[in-house]
Amino acid sequence: MERALEVERRLAHRYSEASLALQFSSPLQLLVAVILSAQCTDARVNAVTPSLFARFPRVTDLARAPLDELEELVHSTGFYRNKAKTIRACCADLVARFAGDVPRSLHDLVSLPGVGRKTANMVLGNAYGIPGLAVDTHVKRVAGRLGLTEGDEAGDIERQLCDLLPENRWTAFSNGMILFGREVCTSRSPGCSTCPLVDVCVSA
């Protein structure tokens, strides 16, 4: 636990304003952006969402959006057919079950089409300020290399990290880990020579 807290302290120092790279102005926009971010860069999603939300600004608009229009708008994010269907189904469910509001509970969020724990925790933590630890590929990789977690299942990794950290640090920690995994501890070439965590890393 002490090593995890030290990692958290250093990441908090490096990323004092750790936030998602995805741009959004509402919980709905963040939810849609995270769905689009699957197998896609945040920069590409940020290039797509302004046009998407200008054309379909409300949840009811997205729920009724013609699929061909949605597909065209999100085409450059990849897997556009599945993403368009998921966004429309998710928004239709929001309208039908939650009066068009993005719910504030993990249980309700993961009941929506296309929403898993990672997406739900990102929305809770970054749109609502409700503690959530999102485990994406970067968090999974960095946590494993640091020796903070064992196994490959995202749910298990999430539980292990939550047990090691104060609840009020979960969101900032996962945001920082994502940034760190992109900038330093990358998949192909971890930057151990310049890594500020090298002395607390079991893989260095």
C-alpha atoms as a PDB file:
ATOM      1  CA  MET A   1       0.000   0.000   0.000  1.00  0.00           C
ATOM      2  CA  GLU A   2       2.838   2.423   0.800  1.00  0.00           C
ATOM      3  CA  ARG A   3       4.295   1.985  -2.694  1.00  0.00           C
ATOM      4  CA  ALA A   4       0.904   2.637  -4.282  1.00  0.00           C
ATOM      5  CA  LEU A   5       0.507   5.813  -2.249  1.00  0.00           C
ATOM      6  CA  GLU A   6       3.983   6.948  -3.313  1.00  0.00           C
ATOM      7  CA  VAL A   7       3.108   6.326  -6.973  1.00  0.00           C
ATOM      8  CA  GLU A   8      -0.101   8.287  -6.492  1.00  0.00           C
ATOM      9  CA  ARG A   9       1.788  11.155  -4.833  1.00  0.00           C
ATOM     10  CA  ARG A  10       4.308  11.423  -7.662  1.00  0.00           C
ATOM     11  CA  LEU A  11       1.669  11.208 -10.378  1.00  0.00           C
ATOM     12  CA  ALA A  12      -0.342  13.902  -8.605  1.00  0.00           C
ATOM     13  CA  HIS A  13       2.769  16.108  -8.592  1.00  0.00           C
ATOM     14  CA  ARG A  14       3.477  15.473 -12.277  1.00  0.00           C
ATOM     15  CA  TYR A  15      -0.151  15.869 -13.340  1.00  0.00           C
ATOM     16  CA  SER A  16      -1.474  18.387 -10.844  1.00  0.00           C
ATOM     17  CA  GLU A  17      -4.539  19.004 -12.991  1.00  0.00           C
ATOM     18  CA  ALA A  18      -4.973  15.445 -14.256  1.00  0.00           C
ATOM     19  CA  SER A  19      -8.035  15.336 -16.438  1.00  0.00           C
ATOM     20  CA  LEU A  20      -9.199  13.418 -19.453  1.00  0.00           C
ATOM     21  CA  ALA A  21      -7.960  14.537 -22.840  1.00  0.00           C
ATOM     22  CA  LEU A  22     -11.498  14.110 -24.164  1.00  0.00           C
ATOM     23  CA  GLN A  23     -13.333  17.418 -24.489  1.00  0.00           C
ATOM     24  CA  PHE A  24     -16.906  17.644 -23.203  1.00  0.00           C
ATOM     25  CA  SER A  25     -19.347  20.097 -21.700  1.00  0.00           C
ATOM     26  CA  SER A  26     -21.923  17.697 -20.227  1.00  0.00           C
ATOM     27  CA  PRO A  27     -22.180  14.138 -18.886  1.00  0.00           C
ATOM     28  CA  LEU A  28     -23.926  13.110 -22.111  1.00  0.00           C
ATOM     29  CA  GLN A  29     -21.119  14.483 -24.251  1.00  0.00           C
ATOM     30  CA  LEU A  30     -18.523  12.659 -22.174  1.00  0.00           C
ATOM     31  CA  LEU A  31     -20.484   9.410 -22.339  1.00  0.00           C
ATOM     32  CA  VAL A  32     -20.682   9.606 -26.137  1.00  0.00           C
ATOM     33  CA  ALA A  33     -17.032  10.652 -26.428  1.00  0.00           C
ATOM     34  CA  VAL A  34     -15.837   7.670 -24.381  1.00  0.00           C
ATOM     35  CA  ILE A  35     -17.894   5.315 -26.548  1.00  0.00           C
ATOM     36  CA  LEU A  36     -16.239   6.839 -29.617  1.00  0.00           C
ATOM     37  CA  SER A  37     -12.759   6.571 -28.077  1.00  0.00           C
ATOM     38  CA  ALA A  38     -12.660   2.774 -28.334  1.00  0.00           C
ATOM     39  CA  GLN A  39      -9.742   1.866 -30.625  1.00  0.00           C
ATOM     40  CA  CYS A  40      -9.372   5.561 -31.454  1.00  0.00           C
ATOM     41  CA  THR A  41      -7.238   8.458 -30.265  1.00  0.00           C
ATOM     42  CA  ASP A  42      -8.733  11.160 -28.074  1.00  0.00           C
ATOM     43  CA  ALA A  43      -7.509  13.760 -30.565  1.00  0.00           C
ATOM     44  CA  ARG A  44      -9.567  12.169 -33.323  1.00  0.00           C
ATOM     45  CA  VAL A  45     -12.644  11.973 -31.077  1.00  0.00           C
ATOM     46  CA  ASN A  46     -12.214  15.653 -30.168  1.00  0.00           C
ATOM     47  CA  ALA A  47     -12.123  16.480 -33.875  1.00  0.00           C
ATOM     48  CA  VAL A  48     -15.391  14.620 -34.468  1.00  0.00           C
ATOM     49  CA  THR A  49     -17.588  15.517 -31.500  1.00  0.00           C
ATOM     50  CA  PRO A  50     -18.151  19.242 -32.241  1.00  0.00           C
ATOM     51  CA  SER A  51     -19.872  18.423 -35.527  1.00  0.00           C
ATOM     52  CA  LEU A  52     -21.723  15.505 -33.970  1.00  0.00           C
ATOM     53  CA  PHE A  53     -23.157  17.558 -31.105  1.00  0.00           C
ATOM     54  CA  ALA A  54     -23.901  20.506 -33.354  1.00  0.00           C
ATOM     55  CA  ARG A  55     -26.051  18.244 -35.528  1.00  0.00           C
ATOM     56  CA  PHE A  56     -27.575  16.260 -32.636  1.00  0.00           C
ATOM     57  CA  PRO A  57     -27.272  18.429 -29.490  1.00  0.00           C
ATOM     58  CA  ARG A  58     -29.789  16.655 -27.238  1.00  0.00           C
ATOM     59  CA  VAL A  59     -30.142  13.094 -26.049  1.00  0.00           C
ATOM     60  CA  THR A  60     -33.504  12.857 -27.821  1.00  0.00           C
ATOM     61  CA  ASP A  61     -31.854  13.973 -31.059  1.00  0.00           C
ATOM     62  CA  LEU A  62     -29.224  11.246 -30.785  1.00  0.00           C
ATOM     63  CA  ALA A  63     -31.845   8.658 -29.851  1.00  0.00           C
ATOM     64  CA  ARG A  64     -33.755   9.385 -33.067  1.00  0.00           C
ATOM     65  CA  ALA A  65     -30.779  10.129 -35.316  1.00  0.00           C
ATOM     66  CA  PRO A  66     -30.743   8.388 -38.713  1.00  0.00           C
ATOM     67  CA  LEU A  67     -28.036   5.763 -38.619  1.00  0.00           C
ATOM     68  CA  ASP A  68     -26.555   6.817 -41.930  1.00  0.00           C
ATOM     69  CA  GLU A  69     -26.043  10.362 -40.638  1.00  0.00           C
ATOM     70  CA  LEU A  70     -24.516   9.136 -37.399  1.00  0.00           C
ATOM     71  CA  GLU A  71     -22.225   6.793 -39.288  1.00  0.00           C
ATOM     72  CA  GLU A  72     -21.036   9.587 -41.536  1.00  0.00           C
ATOM     73  CA  LEU A  73     -20.315  11.889 -38.607  1.00  0.00           C
ATOM     74  CA  VAL A  74     -18.327   9.302 -36.608  1.00  0.00           C
ATOM     75  CA  HIS A  75     -16.793   7.500 -39.591  1.00  0.00           C
ATOM     76  CA  SER A  76     -13.209   8.618 -38.938  1.00  0.00           C
ATOM     77  CA  THR A  77     -13.190   7.147 -35.402  1.00  0.00           C
ATOM     78  CA  GLY A  78     -13.227   3.607 -36.787  1.00  0.00           C
ATOM     79  CA  PHE A  79     -15.778   0.840 -36.241  1.00  0.00           C
ATOM     80  CA  TYR A  80     -18.277   3.550 -37.123  1.00  0.00           C
ATOM     81  CA  ARG A  81     -21.253   1.284 -37.794  1.00  0.00           C
ATOM     82  CA  ASN A  82     -21.105  -0.338 -34.366  1.00  0.00           C
ATOM     83  CA  LYS A  83     -20.387   2.971 -32.661  1.00  0.00           C
ATOM     84  CA  ALA A  84     -23.329   4.687 -34.368  1.00  0.00           C
ATOM     85  CA  LYS A  85     -25.687   1.875 -33.345  1.00  0.00           C
ATOM     86  CA  THR A  86     -24.364   1.891 -29.795  1.00  0.00           C
ATOM     87  CA  ILE A  87     -24.713   5.655 -29.379  1.00  0.00           C
ATOM     88  CA  ARG A  88     -28.282   5.634 -30.671  1.00  0.00           C
ATOM     89  CA  ALA A  89     -29.273   2.625 -28.537  1.00  0.00           C
ATOM     90  CA  CYS A  90     -27.623   4.099 -25.451  1.00  0.00           C
ATOM     91  CA  CYS A  91     -29.390   7.426 -25.894  1.00  0.00           C
ATOM     92  CA  ALA A  92     -32.718   5.737 -26.557  1.00  0.00           C
ATOM     93  CA  ASP A  93     -32.267   3.850 -23.284  1.00  0.00           C
ATOM     94  CA  LEU A  94     -31.449   7.090 -21.474  1.00  0.00           C
ATOM     95  CA  VAL A  95     -34.681   8.604 -22.748  1.00  0.00           C
ATOM     96  CA  ALA A  96     -36.790   5.536 -21.993  1.00  0.00           C
ATOM     97  CA  ARG A  97     -35.418   4.671 -18.565  1.00  0.00           C
ATOM     98  CA  PHE A  98     -33.766   7.782 -17.122  1.00  0.00           C
ATOM     99  CA  ALA A  99     -35.819  10.694 -18.488  1.00  0.00           C
ATOM    100  CA  GLY A 100     -32.892  11.571 -20.762  1.00  0.00           C
ATOM    101  CA  ASP A 101     -30.421  12.065 -17.911  1.00  0.00           C
ATOM    102  CA  VAL A 102     -27.097  10.268 -17.631  1.00  0.00           C
ATOM    103  CA  PRO A 103     -27.396   8.323 -14.358  1.00  0.00           C
ATOM    104  CA  ARG A 104     -25.084   8.933 -11.428  1.00  0.00           C
ATOM    105  CA  SER A 105     -24.585   5.336 -10.330  1.00  0.00           C
ATOM    106  CA  LEU A 106     -22.263   2.646 -11.601  1.00  0.00           C
ATOM    107  CA  HIS A 107     -25.067   0.099 -11.530  1.00  0.00           C
ATOM    108  CA  ASP A 108     -27.299   2.182 -13.777  1.00  0.00           C
ATOM    109  CA  LEU A 109     -24.520   3.266 -16.123  1.00  0.00           C
ATOM    110  CA  VAL A 110     -23.310  -0.257 -16.880  1.00  0.00           C
ATOM    111  CA  SER A 111     -26.892  -1.271 -17.680  1.00  0.00           C
ATOM    112  CA  LEU A 112     -26.784   1.008 -20.740  1.00  0.00           C
ATOM    113  CA  PRO A 113     -25.900  -0.433 -24.160  1.00  0.00           C
ATOM    114  CA  GLY A 114     -22.169  -0.235 -24.864  1.00  0.00           C
ATOM    115  CA  VAL A 115     -21.233   0.996 -21.381  1.00  0.00           C
ATOM    116  CA  GLY A 116     -18.787  -1.033 -19.302  1.00  0.00           C
ATOM    117  CA  ARG A 117     -17.102  -0.262 -16.003  1.00  0.00           C
ATOM    118  CA  LYS A 118     -14.302   1.765 -17.617  1.00  0.00           C
ATOM    119  CA  THR A 119     -16.740   4.102 -19.370  1.00  0.00           C
ATOM    120  CA  ALA A 120     -18.992   4.307 -16.317  1.00  0.00           C
ATOM    121  CA  ASN A 121     -16.117   5.198 -13.990  1.00  0.00           C
ATOM    122  CA  MET A 122     -14.833   7.845 -16.405  1.00  0.00           C
ATOM    123  CA  VAL A 123     -18.264   9.473 -16.485  1.00  0.00           C
ATOM    124  CA  LEU A 124     -18.761   9.275 -12.730  1.00  0.00           C
ATOM    125  CA  GLY A 125     -15.354  10.667 -11.880  1.00  0.00           C
ATOM    126  CA  ASN A 126     -14.959  13.315 -14.550  1.00  0.00           C
ATOM    127  CA  ALA A 127     -18.516  14.493 -15.174  1.00  0.00           C
ATOM    128  CA  TYR A 128     -20.006  14.124 -11.689  1.00  0.00           C
ATOM    129  CA  GLY A 129     -17.051  14.162  -9.307  1.00  0.00           C
ATOM    130  CA  ILE A 130     -18.113  10.771  -7.933  1.00  0.00           C
ATOM    131  CA  PRO A 131     -15.029   8.614  -7.224  1.00  0.00           C
ATOM    132  CA  GLY A 132     -14.400   6.092  -9.964  1.00  0.00           C
ATOM    133  CA  LEU A 133     -11.230   4.300 -11.055  1.00  0.00           C
ATOM    134  CA  ALA A 134     -11.284   3.631 -14.775  1.00  0.00           C
ATOM    135  CA  VAL A 135      -9.048   0.818 -16.004  1.00  0.00           C
ATOM    136  CA  ASP A 136      -8.091   1.184 -19.654  1.00  0.00           C
ATOM    137  CA  THR A 137      -5.149  -0.385 -21.491  1.00  0.00           C
ATOM    138  CA  HIS A 138      -2.729   2.220 -20.101  1.00  0.00           C
ATOM    139  CA  VAL A 139      -3.802   1.802 -16.480  1.00  0.00           C
ATOM    140  CA  LYS A 140      -3.699  -1.973 -16.857  1.00  0.00           C
ATOM    141  CA  ARG A 141      -0.205  -1.953 -18.372  1.00  0.00           C
ATOM    142  CA  VAL A 142       1.382   0.588 -16.015  1.00  0.00           C
ATOM    143  CA  ALA A 143      -0.145  -0.892 -12.863  1.00  0.00           C
ATOM    144  CA  GLY A 144       1.120  -4.325 -13.857  1.00  0.00           C
ATOM    145  CA  ARG A 145       4.630  -3.095 -14.622  1.00  0.00           C
ATOM    146  CA  LEU A 146       4.770  -1.228 -11.321  1.00  0.00           C
ATOM    147  CA  GLY A 147       3.751  -4.392  -9.512  1.00  0.00           C
ATOM    148  CA  LEU A 148       0.636  -2.816  -8.024  1.00  0.00           C
ATOM    149  CA  THR A 149      -1.715  -5.382  -9.532  1.00  0.00           C
ATOM    150  CA  GLU A 150      -1.833  -8.974 -10.683  1.00  0.00           C
ATOM    151  CA  GLY A 151      -3.839 -10.580 -13.470  1.00  0.00           C
ATOM    152  CA  ASP A 152      -5.310  -9.347 -16.726  1.00  0.00           C
ATOM    153  CA  GLU A 153      -8.980  -8.800 -15.916  1.00  0.00           C
ATOM    154  CA  ALA A 154      -9.919  -5.111 -15.760  1.00  0.00           C
ATOM    155  CA  GLY A 155     -12.419  -5.696 -12.970  1.00  0.00           C
ATOM    156  CA  ASP A 156      -9.831  -7.413 -10.792  1.00  0.00           C
ATOM    157  CA  ILE A 157      -7.286  -4.664 -11.483  1.00  0.00           C
ATOM    158  CA  GLU A 158      -9.843  -2.013 -10.578  1.00  0.00           C
ATOM    159  CA  ARG A 159     -10.610  -3.701  -7.258  1.00  0.00           C
ATOM    160  CA  GLN A 160      -6.920  -4.139  -6.412  1.00  0.00           C
ATOM    161  CA  LEU A 161      -6.138  -0.479  -7.098  1.00  0.00           C
ATOM    162  CA  CYS A 162      -9.205   0.747  -5.198  1.00  0.00           C
ATOM    163  CA  ASP A 163      -8.080  -1.275  -2.173  1.00  0.00           C
ATOM    164  CA  LEU A 164      -4.678   0.451  -2.284  1.00  0.00           C
ATOM    165  CA  LEU A 165      -5.812   4.055  -2.596  1.00  0.00           C
ATOM    166  CA  PRO A 166      -8.106   6.516  -0.798  1.00  0.00           C
ATOM    167  CA  GLU A 167     -11.455   6.776  -2.535  1.00  0.00           C
ATOM    168  CA  ASN A 168     -11.092  10.506  -3.131  1.00  0.00           C
ATOM    169  CA  ARG A 169      -7.954   9.863  -5.238  1.00  0.00           C
ATOM    170  CA  TRP A 170      -9.374   7.207  -7.554  1.00  0.00           C
ATOM    171  CA  THR A 171     -10.336   9.502 -10.438  1.00  0.00           C
ATOM    172  CA  ALA A 172      -7.187  11.637 -10.450  1.00  0.00           C
ATOM    173  CA  PHE A 173      -5.037   8.525 -10.122  1.00  0.00           C
ATOM    174  CA  SER A 174      -6.575   6.763 -13.123  1.00  0.00           C
ATOM    175  CA  ASN A 175      -6.427   9.975 -15.185  1.00  0.00           C
ATOM    176  CA  GLY A 176      -2.764  10.380 -14.255  1.00  0.00           C
ATOM    177  CA  MET A 177      -1.988   6.751 -15.057  1.00  0.00           C
ATOM    178  CA  ILE A 178      -3.566   7.146 -18.497  1.00  0.00           C
ATOM    179  CA  LEU A 179      -1.450  10.219 -19.241  1.00  0.00           C
ATOM    180  CA  PHE A 180       1.672   8.537 -17.848  1.00  0.00           C
ATOM    181  CA  GLY A 181       1.062   5.447 -19.964  1.00  0.00           C
ATOM    182  CA  ARG A 182       0.806   7.566 -23.079  1.00  0.00           C
ATOM    183  CA  GLU A 183       3.787   9.795 -22.391  1.00  0.00           C
ATOM    184  CA  VAL A 184       6.339   7.699 -20.498  1.00  0.00           C
ATOM    185  CA  CYS A 185       5.490   4.063 -19.836  1.00  0.00           C
ATOM    186  CA  THR A 186       4.360   3.318 -23.365  1.00  0.00           C
ATOM    187  CA  SER A 187       3.514  -0.087 -24.713  1.00  0.00           C
ATOM    188  CA  ARG A 188       6.397  -0.426 -27.161  1.00  0.00           C
ATOM    189  CA  SER A 189       9.188   1.459 -25.427  1.00  0.00           C
ATOM    190  CA  PRO A 190       8.797   2.291 -21.740  1.00  0.00           C
ATOM    191  CA  GLY A 191      10.932   5.325 -20.931  1.00  0.00           C
ATOM    192  CA  CYS A 192      12.674   3.896 -17.897  1.00  0.00           C
ATOM    193  CA  SER A 193      15.683   6.210 -18.295  1.00  0.00           C
ATOM    194  CA  THR A 194      13.538   9.283 -17.644  1.00  0.00           C
ATOM    195  CA  CYS A 195      10.812   7.702 -15.520  1.00  0.00           C
ATOM    196  CA  PRO A 196      10.095   9.405 -12.169  1.00  0.00           C
ATOM    197  CA  LEU A 197       8.779   6.092 -10.810  1.00  0.00           C
ATOM    198  CA  VAL A 198      11.796   3.959 -11.702  1.00  0.00           C
ATOM    199  CA  ASP A 199      12.891   3.476  -8.068  1.00  0.00           C
ATOM    200  CA  VAL A 200       9.471   2.116  -7.042  1.00  0.00           C
ATOM    201  CA  CYS A 201       8.925  -0.016 -10.149  1.00  0.00           C
ATOM    202  CA  VAL A 202       9.460  -3.772  -9.991  1.00  0.00           C
ATOM    203  CA  SER A 203       9.976  -3.959 -13.758  1.00  0.00           C
ATOM    204  CA  ALA A 204      12.617  -1.258 -14.161  1.00  0.00           C
END
